[in-house]
Amino acid sequence: MPKEWVNFARLTTIRSGGEMVQFNPYLYQMIISDLMDKYNNIVCVKSRQLGLTQIAVSKFLHRAALNPAYSAIAFLRNSNDASAVSRRTKQLLSGLSDYIVPDSDNVGYLKLKNLGEIYFKNSSREGSRSYDSVIDFLFDEAAFSENIDQIYAASSPSSAMSGDKITKLIVSTPSAKSGWYWNKLNENNNGLDIEEICNRVASGDLYNEIPGLYWFEDSQGTLKLIVHWSVHPVYQNIPNYLDYRLKQDGTDTETVLREYDLKFVDSAVSVFAIDLIRENSTGNYEANRDDNADYYCGLDTSTMGSDYTVFSVIKHNLKTDTYSLVHLYRKRQETSASHIYQISKLIDLYKPECVGIETTGGVGNIYLEELSKNNYSTEFVNIKTTRDTKTTMVGALILSLEKRKLSYPDNSVLVDEMLSYRRIGAKFEAASGKHDDTIMSVSFALTVSPFLREKISLLAAAFG
């Protein structure tokens, strides 16, 4: 078994460009590996798609292959991420059959025969209190994990017997300038402005060894690591890389700057720009169906409380490839039978190609079942919302405004909701006393329309 990680990594295989290839680490990945050997505690801010998670689990696998007593836990943002990283780690084994063999077939657990082990955990649900003598921890996308502070606190007892052998790696793309991850990134920096450092790294003005990579040790011996997309040899050669990502990812400008260019956002800011809201408020409601257009609908359901049940109808102009909000049903404190009856009439009138119905809380399942009974020509899609998928779907609405693809009447309640919609930390939500039912309904309609459905892989977790 190779003692050096880089030689071990070259024996493994990874998925790249749609095929399995030999893992041949880039220079920046080798430097990060060396830093993981030197420092016990690392807090990292990074651009997306740089393979930081891959480096971490590959290091864990190497250490597990060298030490029968080794144990590591990777905390991922959700169950989908935990499963995906577990599968990718097991794929690394295909080139190592002469050295190690797996001794488990559990998606959340990899045990090497007569050697070490790695756990893959959903950070939104699981902690580490029941595990002893854990040596290494990965806290992935820590800015987006709601329980990460509690999970991190619980890791101390789990690693108490490991002494100074441990590595705790906290990694995330930027989010809001608040919360546990932001505080960990900023603590003990002796007055250094982490946001300014990120901007200088992104501009190429500040780096260690190679552009796009910078680190420093804080006053408590923790390594603060900044990794920008420009460190990647392939991305360096793509002209106007951020514009490329904007088109490739199909998301809004702010998201691209945050996820790739290391830009943090204020902890409580408006989600929708006022000028974009105004510029797109040029539409009109339409009482009749246009047979030369396609229609898509979104349904945000509610119970008998203060929230509204909202059914939005958007029209797709096939000639101009633009969308317009042409009808909005928005009522509350009525029975589900009454809502279903009135919504059924709208489906009969507009004959939509597809209706997206939110079913997360269970109430939407009733609507899905009843509405799909008598509307055989319409496709119905059940949509499940989490914090991640909600952010992505609202991001589609933001993108539709930036691209001038969606219009709506200037007196629509959608305008009022967008004006009061806020980002609080890493979450999207309506301001106190306001509603977001219409925003979500229109976002659901866009999600099942060609505008976003062609990028359905980005939203796979949202669909049941």
Protein backbone atom coordinates (compact mmCIF):
# COMPACT_ATOMS: atom_id res chain seq x y z
CA MET A 1 0.00 0.00 0.00
CA PRO A 2 1.50 3.39 -0.99
CA LYS A 3 2.36 5.50 2.05
CA GLU A 4 1.94 8.79 0.21
CA TRP A 5 -1.62 9.90 -0.60
CA VAL A 6 -0.82 11.09 -4.12
CA ASN A 7 0.49 7.63 -5.10
CA PHE A 8 -2.54 6.00 -3.48
CA ALA A 9 -4.91 8.36 -5.31
CA ARG A 10 -3.41 7.46 -8.68
CA LEU A 11 -4.45 3.85 -8.12
CA THR A 12 -8.10 4.85 -7.72
CA THR A 13 -10.75 5.67 -10.30
CA ILE A 14 -13.23 8.53 -10.32
CA ARG A 15 -16.13 9.62 -12.49
CA SER A 16 -15.17 12.53 -14.76
CA GLY A 17 -16.77 13.81 -17.95
CA GLY A 18 -19.26 10.95 -18.00
CA GLU A 19 -16.68 8.17 -17.74
CA MET A 20 -14.51 6.42 -15.18
CA VAL A 21 -10.90 7.62 -15.27
CA GLN A 22 -7.77 7.34 -13.16
CA PHE A 23 -7.66 9.89 -10.36
CA ASN A 24 -4.62 12.01 -11.16
CA PRO A 25 -4.66 14.81 -8.58
CA TYR A 26 -4.04 18.39 -9.66
CA LEU A 27 -1.38 20.46 -7.92
CA TYR A 28 -3.90 22.33 -5.75
CA GLN A 29 -5.39 19.01 -4.60
CA MET A 30 -1.95 17.74 -3.59
CA ILE A 31 -1.31 20.95 -1.64
CA ILE A 32 -4.64 20.59 0.19
CA SER A 33 -3.73 16.97 1.01
CA ASP A 34 -0.47 18.16 2.58
CA LEU A 35 -2.35 20.80 4.60
CA MET A 36 -4.72 18.10 5.91
CA ASP A 37 -1.67 16.20 7.16
CA LYS A 38 -0.28 19.28 8.90
CA TYR A 39 -3.36 20.83 10.55
CA ASN A 40 -5.91 19.32 12.93
CA ASN A 41 -8.56 21.99 12.32
CA ILE A 42 -9.35 23.50 8.93
CA VAL A 43 -12.14 25.88 7.96
CA CYS A 44 -12.45 26.20 4.19
CA VAL A 45 -14.45 28.48 1.90
CA LYS A 46 -14.45 27.34 -1.71
CA SER A 47 -16.04 27.61 -5.13
CA ARG A 48 -18.29 24.83 -6.36
CA GLN A 49 -17.10 21.84 -8.40
CA LEU A 50 -13.51 21.80 -7.23
CA GLY A 51 -13.58 18.28 -5.78
CA LEU A 52 -12.89 19.25 -2.17
CA THR A 53 -15.24 16.55 -0.90
CA GLN A 54 -13.53 14.05 -3.19
CA ILE A 55 -10.12 14.98 -1.76
CA ALA A 56 -11.36 14.62 1.82
CA VAL A 57 -12.96 11.19 1.42
CA SER A 58 -10.00 9.98 -0.63
CA LYS A 59 -7.72 11.00 2.24
CA PHE A 60 -10.03 9.22 4.68
CA LEU A 61 -9.95 6.08 2.53
CA HIS A 62 -6.14 6.16 2.38
CA ARG A 63 -5.88 6.54 6.14
CA ALA A 64 -8.40 3.72 6.64
CA ALA A 65 -6.28 1.49 4.39
CA LEU A 66 -3.21 2.11 6.54
CA ASN A 67 -4.74 1.88 10.02
CA PRO A 68 -7.03 -0.96 11.23
CA ALA A 69 -8.20 1.25 14.12
CA TYR A 70 -9.10 4.19 11.89
CA SER A 71 -12.61 5.67 11.93
CA ALA A 72 -13.93 8.76 10.10
CA ILE A 73 -17.30 10.43 9.66
CA ALA A 74 -18.33 12.56 6.70
CA PHE A 75 -21.34 14.75 7.46
CA LEU A 76 -23.10 15.73 4.24
CA ARG A 77 -25.85 18.30 3.74
CA ASN A 78 -28.71 15.83 3.15
CA SER A 79 -29.42 12.14 2.54
CA ASN A 80 -28.97 12.48 -1.24
CA ASP A 81 -25.49 13.96 -0.79
CA ALA A 82 -24.58 11.30 1.79
CA SER A 83 -25.61 8.52 -0.60
CA ALA A 84 -23.82 10.11 -3.57
CA VAL A 85 -20.54 10.63 -1.69
CA SER A 86 -20.73 7.10 -0.29
CA ARG A 87 -21.10 5.70 -3.82
CA ARG A 88 -18.24 7.82 -5.15
CA THR A 89 -15.99 6.67 -2.31
CA LYS A 90 -16.76 3.03 -3.04
CA GLN A 91 -16.01 3.66 -6.73
CA LEU A 92 -12.47 4.58 -5.68
CA LEU A 93 -11.99 0.98 -4.60
CA SER A 94 -12.16 -0.45 -8.12
CA GLY A 95 -8.45 0.18 -8.69
CA LEU A 96 -7.40 -1.05 -5.26
CA SER A 97 -8.42 -4.70 -5.35
CA ASP A 98 -4.79 -5.81 -4.91
CA TYR A 99 -4.62 -3.91 -1.62
CA ILE A 100 -8.01 -3.64 0.06
CA VAL A 101 -11.51 -5.08 -0.19
CA PRO A 102 -14.75 -3.77 1.32
CA ASP A 103 -16.31 -5.68 4.18
CA SER A 104 -19.72 -3.98 4.17
CA ASP A 105 -22.52 -3.19 1.74
CA ASN A 106 -24.23 -0.36 3.58
CA VAL A 107 -24.80 2.92 1.77
CA GLY A 108 -23.93 4.91 4.89
CA TYR A 109 -20.96 2.83 6.02
CA LEU A 110 -17.76 1.62 4.40
CA LYS A 111 -15.72 -0.95 6.33
CA LEU A 112 -12.48 -2.25 4.85
CA LYS A 113 -11.70 -5.88 5.63
CA ASN A 114 -9.34 -6.02 8.61
CA LEU A 115 -8.80 -2.27 8.23
CA GLY A 116 -10.49 1.06 9.02
CA GLU A 117 -14.00 2.44 8.45
CA ILE A 118 -15.82 5.54 7.14
CA TYR A 119 -19.37 6.67 7.97
CA PHE A 120 -21.45 8.88 5.66
CA LYS A 121 -24.09 10.82 7.58
CA ASN A 122 -26.95 13.18 6.79
CA SER A 123 -26.08 16.27 8.84
CA SER A 124 -29.74 17.36 9.01
CA ARG A 125 -30.63 14.26 11.03
CA GLU A 126 -27.64 12.46 12.48
CA GLY A 127 -24.88 13.23 14.94
CA SER A 128 -21.81 11.40 16.21
CA ARG A 129 -22.53 10.94 19.92
CA SER A 130 -22.80 7.15 19.66
CA TYR A 131 -19.40 6.77 17.96
CA ASP A 132 -16.12 6.37 19.84
CA SER A 133 -12.53 7.15 18.85
CA VAL A 134 -13.36 8.87 15.60
CA ILE A 135 -10.18 10.33 14.15
CA ASP A 136 -11.34 12.44 11.18
CA PHE A 137 -14.44 14.52 10.49
CA LEU A 138 -15.72 16.24 7.36
CA PHE A 139 -18.47 18.84 7.79
CA ASP A 140 -19.49 19.45 4.19
CA GLU A 141 -21.45 22.54 3.03
CA ALA A 142 -21.55 23.65 6.65
CA ALA A 143 -23.18 27.01 5.83
CA PHE A 144 -26.27 25.17 4.62
CA SER A 145 -26.66 22.57 7.38
CA GLU A 146 -29.14 23.75 9.99
CA ASN A 147 -27.91 21.51 12.83
CA ILE A 148 -24.22 21.79 12.09
CA ASP A 149 -23.41 23.60 15.36
CA GLN A 150 -24.89 20.77 17.44
CA ILE A 151 -23.22 18.10 15.30
CA TYR A 152 -19.85 19.83 15.58
CA ALA A 153 -20.21 20.13 19.37
CA ALA A 154 -21.01 16.41 19.58
CA SER A 155 -17.86 15.55 17.63
CA SER A 156 -15.62 16.52 20.54
CA PRO A 157 -16.60 13.58 22.79
CA SER A 158 -16.37 11.24 19.79
CA SER A 159 -12.76 12.26 19.15
CA ALA A 160 -11.67 12.69 22.76
CA MET A 161 -9.62 9.49 22.73
CA SER A 162 -7.86 10.32 19.44
CA GLY A 163 -5.59 13.00 20.85
CA ASP A 164 -3.76 15.18 18.33
CA LYS A 165 -4.22 12.69 15.48
CA ILE A 166 -7.59 14.12 14.42
CA THR A 167 -8.56 16.22 11.43
CA LYS A 168 -11.72 18.33 11.52
CA LEU A 169 -12.43 19.79 8.10
CA ILE A 170 -15.25 22.34 7.82
CA VAL A 171 -16.02 23.12 4.18
CA SER A 172 -18.63 25.25 2.41
CA THR A 173 -19.41 27.52 -0.47
CA PRO A 174 -20.30 31.03 0.75
CA SER A 175 -23.74 31.84 2.08
CA ALA A 176 -24.97 34.60 4.38
CA LYS A 177 -22.77 36.74 6.58
CA SER A 178 -24.26 35.18 9.71
CA GLY A 179 -24.61 31.82 11.39
CA TRP A 180 -22.28 29.18 12.77
CA TYR A 181 -20.12 28.69 9.65
CA TRP A 182 -19.62 32.42 9.12
CA ASN A 183 -18.60 32.76 12.76
CA LYS A 184 -16.12 29.84 12.53
CA LEU A 185 -14.60 31.37 9.41
CA ASN A 186 -14.16 34.76 11.08
CA GLU A 187 -13.11 33.88 14.62
CA ASN A 188 -9.55 34.38 15.88
CA ASN A 189 -8.41 36.15 12.69
CA ASN A 190 -6.67 39.06 14.47
CA GLY A 191 -8.70 41.67 12.60
CA LEU A 192 -8.28 40.15 9.13
CA ASP A 193 -11.38 40.67 6.98
CA ILE A 194 -12.28 37.26 5.51
CA GLU A 195 -14.59 38.84 2.94
CA GLU A 196 -11.82 41.11 1.66
CA ILE A 197 -9.44 38.14 1.54
CA CYS A 198 -11.96 36.17 -0.56
CA ASN A 199 -12.32 39.10 -2.95
CA ARG A 200 -8.55 39.41 -3.35
CA VAL A 201 -8.18 35.67 -3.95
CA ALA A 202 -10.97 35.81 -6.55
CA SER A 203 -9.28 38.73 -8.31
CA GLY A 204 -5.94 36.90 -8.41
CA ASP A 205 -4.27 39.52 -6.22
CA LEU A 206 -3.66 37.21 -3.25
CA TYR A 207 -2.50 33.59 -3.27
CA ASN A 208 -0.07 31.03 -1.84
CA GLU A 209 2.03 29.00 -4.31
CA ILE A 210 -0.59 29.07 -7.12
CA PRO A 211 -3.32 31.61 -8.02
CA GLY A 212 -6.74 30.74 -6.66
CA LEU A 213 -5.40 29.13 -3.48
CA TYR A 214 -4.68 30.94 -0.22
CA TRP A 215 -4.45 30.00 3.44
CA PHE A 216 -3.35 31.40 6.78
CA GLU A 217 -3.19 30.16 10.36
CA ASP A 218 -5.36 31.98 12.89
CA SER A 219 -4.39 32.81 16.45
CA GLN A 220 -5.62 29.43 17.74
CA GLY A 221 -3.76 27.33 15.18
CA THR A 222 -6.75 26.68 12.93
CA LEU A 223 -6.07 26.83 9.20
CA LYS A 224 -8.31 29.14 7.19
CA LEU A 225 -8.32 27.92 3.58
CA ILE A 226 -9.71 29.77 0.54
CA VAL A 227 -10.07 27.88 -2.77
CA HIS A 228 -11.27 29.74 -5.89
CA TRP A 229 -12.30 28.19 -9.23
CA SER A 230 -9.31 29.82 -10.95
CA VAL A 231 -7.04 27.26 -9.26
CA HIS A 232 -8.49 24.51 -11.48
CA PRO A 233 -6.42 23.90 -14.66
CA VAL A 234 -9.48 23.15 -16.80
CA TYR A 235 -11.61 26.08 -15.63
CA GLN A 236 -8.71 28.48 -16.17
CA ASN A 237 -8.95 27.86 -19.91
CA ILE A 238 -12.68 28.54 -20.27
CA PRO A 239 -13.17 32.14 -21.48
CA ASN A 240 -15.51 34.20 -19.29
CA TYR A 241 -15.97 31.30 -16.89
CA LEU A 242 -18.65 32.97 -14.75
CA ASP A 243 -20.76 33.72 -17.84
CA TYR A 244 -20.27 30.10 -18.86
CA ARG A 245 -21.53 28.95 -15.45
CA LEU A 246 -24.51 31.30 -15.69
CA LYS A 247 -25.60 29.62 -18.92
CA GLN A 248 -24.61 26.11 -17.89
CA ASP A 249 -26.29 26.13 -14.49
CA GLY A 250 -29.38 28.07 -15.56
CA THR A 251 -29.39 30.10 -12.38
CA ASP A 252 -29.33 33.78 -11.41
CA THR A 253 -26.30 36.08 -11.26
CA GLU A 254 -26.20 36.36 -7.47
CA THR A 255 -26.12 32.57 -7.08
CA VAL A 256 -23.26 32.23 -9.58
CA LEU A 257 -21.22 34.93 -7.80
CA ARG A 258 -21.84 33.29 -4.44
CA GLU A 259 -21.20 29.70 -5.51
CA TYR A 260 -18.22 30.32 -7.77
CA ASP A 261 -16.69 33.74 -7.05
CA LEU A 262 -16.63 33.54 -3.23
CA LYS A 263 -19.18 36.32 -2.68
CA PHE A 264 -21.03 36.33 0.64
CA VAL A 265 -24.49 37.91 0.95
CA ASP A 266 -25.96 40.08 3.68
CA SER A 267 -27.78 38.08 6.34
CA ALA A 268 -31.17 39.73 5.73
CA VAL A 269 -31.64 41.17 2.27
CA SER A 270 -34.33 41.39 -0.39
CA VAL A 271 -34.34 38.39 -2.71
CA PHE A 272 -35.90 40.15 -5.70
CA ALA A 273 -34.38 43.36 -7.07
CA ILE A 274 -36.90 46.20 -7.18
CA ASP A 275 -35.93 47.28 -10.69
CA LEU A 276 -36.46 43.75 -12.04
CA ILE A 277 -39.86 43.51 -10.36
CA ARG A 278 -40.88 46.79 -11.97
CA GLU A 279 -39.48 46.03 -15.43
CA ASN A 280 -41.33 42.72 -15.69
CA SER A 281 -44.71 43.97 -14.42
CA THR A 282 -46.05 44.51 -17.95
CA GLY A 283 -48.53 41.64 -18.28
CA ASN A 284 -52.29 41.31 -18.05
CA TYR A 285 -54.65 38.67 -16.76
CA GLU A 286 -56.49 36.80 -19.51
CA ALA A 287 -59.96 35.31 -19.07
CA ASN A 288 -59.77 33.02 -22.11
CA ARG A 289 -57.40 30.39 -23.42
CA ASP A 290 -55.08 31.17 -26.33
CA ASP A 291 -55.02 28.06 -28.52
CA ASN A 292 -51.64 29.09 -29.95
CA ALA A 293 -49.96 28.89 -26.55
CA ASP A 294 -49.20 26.26 -23.91
CA TYR A 295 -50.12 26.60 -20.25
CA TYR A 296 -48.47 25.46 -17.03
CA CYS A 297 -49.80 25.72 -13.49
CA GLY A 298 -48.52 25.61 -9.93
CA LEU A 299 -50.51 24.84 -6.79
CA ASP A 300 -49.41 25.82 -3.28
CA THR A 301 -51.91 24.31 -0.85
CA SER A 302 -52.82 25.29 2.69
CA THR A 303 -55.02 24.15 5.58
CA MET A 304 -57.77 26.22 7.18
CA GLY A 305 -55.28 28.66 8.78
CA SER A 306 -54.07 32.08 7.65
CA ASP A 307 -52.11 30.82 4.64
CA TYR A 308 -53.59 30.96 1.17
CA THR A 309 -54.23 28.19 -1.33
CA VAL A 310 -52.82 29.60 -4.57
CA PHE A 311 -53.23 28.22 -8.09
CA SER A 312 -51.29 30.15 -10.72
CA VAL A 313 -51.65 29.81 -14.49
CA ILE A 314 -48.73 30.85 -16.68
CA LYS A 315 -48.93 31.06 -20.45
CA HIS A 316 -46.03 30.03 -22.66
CA ASN A 317 -45.87 32.07 -25.86
CA LEU A 318 -44.29 29.60 -28.27
CA LYS A 319 -43.26 32.28 -30.79
CA THR A 320 -41.35 34.47 -28.36
CA ASP A 321 -40.50 31.74 -25.82
CA THR A 322 -41.72 33.98 -23.01
CA TYR A 323 -44.09 33.38 -20.10
CA SER A 324 -46.85 35.45 -18.54
CA LEU A 325 -48.99 35.07 -15.44
CA VAL A 326 -52.53 35.12 -16.85
CA HIS A 327 -54.66 33.90 -13.95
CA LEU A 328 -54.27 33.71 -10.18
CA TYR A 329 -56.61 31.86 -7.84
CA ARG A 330 -55.82 32.84 -4.25
CA LYS A 331 -58.19 32.08 -1.38
CA ARG A 332 -58.02 30.95 2.22
CA GLN A 333 -60.20 29.53 4.98
CA GLU A 334 -62.22 27.40 2.62
CA THR A 335 -62.57 23.63 2.53
CA SER A 336 -60.33 21.57 0.30
CA ALA A 337 -63.44 20.43 -1.57
CA SER A 338 -64.27 24.05 -2.43
CA HIS A 339 -60.70 24.77 -3.59
CA ILE A 340 -60.60 21.58 -5.69
CA TYR A 341 -63.92 22.42 -7.36
CA GLN A 342 -62.82 25.92 -8.37
CA ILE A 343 -59.34 24.81 -9.46
CA SER A 344 -60.87 22.04 -11.57
CA LYS A 345 -62.85 24.67 -13.49
CA LEU A 346 -59.62 26.55 -14.23
CA ILE A 347 -57.95 23.37 -15.46
CA ASP A 348 -60.94 22.77 -17.76
CA LEU A 349 -60.64 26.33 -19.09
CA TYR A 350 -56.89 26.60 -19.68
CA LYS A 351 -56.10 22.91 -20.37
CA PRO A 352 -52.53 23.10 -19.03
CA GLU A 353 -49.80 20.78 -20.24
CA CYS A 354 -48.66 20.19 -16.68
CA VAL A 355 -49.59 21.13 -13.11
CA GLY A 356 -47.02 21.11 -10.30
CA ILE A 357 -48.51 20.46 -6.84
CA GLU A 358 -46.58 20.77 -3.60
CA THR A 359 -47.10 17.63 -1.50
CA THR A 360 -44.50 18.04 1.25
CA GLY A 361 -46.91 18.43 4.16
CA GLY A 362 -49.36 15.78 2.95
CA VAL A 363 -52.25 18.14 2.21
CA GLY A 364 -51.23 18.42 -1.45
CA ASN A 365 -51.68 14.67 -1.92
CA ILE A 366 -55.43 15.12 -1.58
CA TYR A 367 -55.43 17.75 -4.33
CA LEU A 368 -53.14 15.64 -6.51
CA GLU A 369 -55.41 12.62 -6.23
CA GLU A 370 -58.69 14.47 -6.80
CA LEU A 371 -57.53 16.78 -9.60
CA SER A 372 -55.84 14.01 -11.56
CA LYS A 373 -58.98 11.84 -11.54
CA ASN A 374 -60.88 13.77 -14.20
CA ASN A 375 -58.11 15.52 -16.12
CA TYR A 376 -56.46 12.77 -18.11
CA SER A 377 -54.91 15.06 -20.74
CA THR A 378 -52.94 17.04 -18.13
CA GLU A 379 -49.77 15.80 -16.48
CA PHE A 380 -49.59 16.24 -12.71
CA VAL A 381 -46.26 16.38 -10.87
CA ASN A 382 -45.91 16.20 -7.11
CA ILE A 383 -43.23 18.57 -5.81
CA LYS A 384 -41.52 18.19 -2.46
CA THR A 385 -39.95 21.27 -0.94
CA THR A 386 -36.87 21.34 1.26
CA ARG A 387 -34.71 24.35 2.00
CA ASP A 388 -32.44 23.36 -0.89
CA THR A 389 -35.16 22.77 -3.49
CA LYS A 390 -37.11 25.84 -2.39
CA THR A 391 -34.00 27.96 -2.94
CA THR A 392 -33.49 26.42 -6.38
CA MET A 393 -37.10 26.90 -7.48
CA VAL A 394 -37.25 30.48 -6.25
CA GLY A 395 -33.93 30.92 -8.04
CA ALA A 396 -35.73 29.92 -11.25
CA LEU A 397 -38.21 32.73 -10.66
CA ILE A 398 -35.34 35.20 -10.13
CA LEU A 399 -33.71 33.95 -13.33
CA SER A 400 -36.94 34.41 -15.28
CA LEU A 401 -36.95 38.08 -14.25
CA GLU A 402 -33.28 38.60 -15.08
CA LYS A 403 -33.82 37.13 -18.54
CA ARG A 404 -37.06 39.13 -19.04
CA LYS A 405 -38.88 35.84 -19.59
CA LEU A 406 -41.82 36.28 -17.19
CA SER A 407 -44.39 39.08 -17.09
CA TYR A 408 -47.31 39.71 -14.72
CA PRO A 409 -49.81 42.51 -14.04
CA ASP A 410 -48.43 45.43 -12.03
CA ASN A 411 -51.33 45.10 -9.60
CA SER A 412 -50.74 41.38 -9.00
CA VAL A 413 -50.27 40.18 -5.44
CA LEU A 414 -47.11 38.54 -6.78
CA VAL A 415 -45.50 42.01 -6.90
CA ASP A 416 -46.30 42.66 -3.23
CA GLU A 417 -44.95 39.28 -2.16
CA MET A 418 -41.70 39.71 -4.10
CA LEU A 419 -41.14 43.16 -2.58
CA SER A 420 -41.36 41.72 0.95
CA TYR A 421 -39.50 38.45 0.33
CA ARG A 422 -36.25 38.17 2.28
CA ARG A 423 -33.20 36.02 2.70
CA ILE A 424 -32.72 35.41 6.40
CA GLY A 425 -29.35 33.75 6.84
CA ALA A 426 -29.32 30.90 4.36
CA LYS A 427 -33.12 30.65 4.15
CA PHE A 428 -35.71 32.33 1.94
CA GLU A 429 -38.89 33.48 3.64
CA ALA A 430 -41.55 36.17 3.67
CA ALA A 431 -41.10 39.16 5.96
CA SER A 432 -42.99 39.07 9.24
CA GLY A 433 -46.74 39.31 8.64
CA LYS A 434 -46.36 38.74 4.88
CA HIS A 435 -46.98 35.73 2.65
CA ASP A 436 -45.04 33.81 0.00
CA ASP A 437 -47.82 31.50 -1.28
CA THR A 438 -47.98 33.20 -4.70
CA ILE A 439 -44.21 33.20 -5.10
CA MET A 440 -44.15 29.46 -4.46
CA SER A 441 -47.14 28.75 -6.72
CA VAL A 442 -45.57 30.62 -9.65
CA SER A 443 -42.21 28.95 -8.92
CA PHE A 444 -43.91 25.54 -9.11
CA ALA A 445 -45.47 26.48 -12.46
CA LEU A 446 -42.07 27.53 -13.84
CA THR A 447 -40.52 24.36 -12.46
CA VAL A 448 -42.80 22.10 -14.55
CA SER A 449 -42.57 24.35 -17.62
CA PRO A 450 -39.90 24.09 -20.34
CA PHE A 451 -38.18 27.10 -18.76
CA LEU A 452 -36.77 24.94 -15.99
CA ARG A 453 -37.85 21.42 -16.75
CA GLU A 454 -35.14 21.04 -19.37
CA LYS A 455 -32.74 21.35 -16.44
CA ILE A 456 -34.68 18.86 -14.39
CA SER A 457 -31.53 17.13 -13.15
CA LEU A 458 -30.87 20.20 -11.02
CA LEU A 459 -34.19 19.61 -9.26
CA ALA A 460 -34.33 15.84 -9.06
CA ALA A 461 -34.65 15.95 -5.28
CA ALA A 462 -37.77 18.12 -5.55
CA PHE A 463 -39.84 15.54 -7.39
CA GLY A 464 -41.45 12.50 -5.85
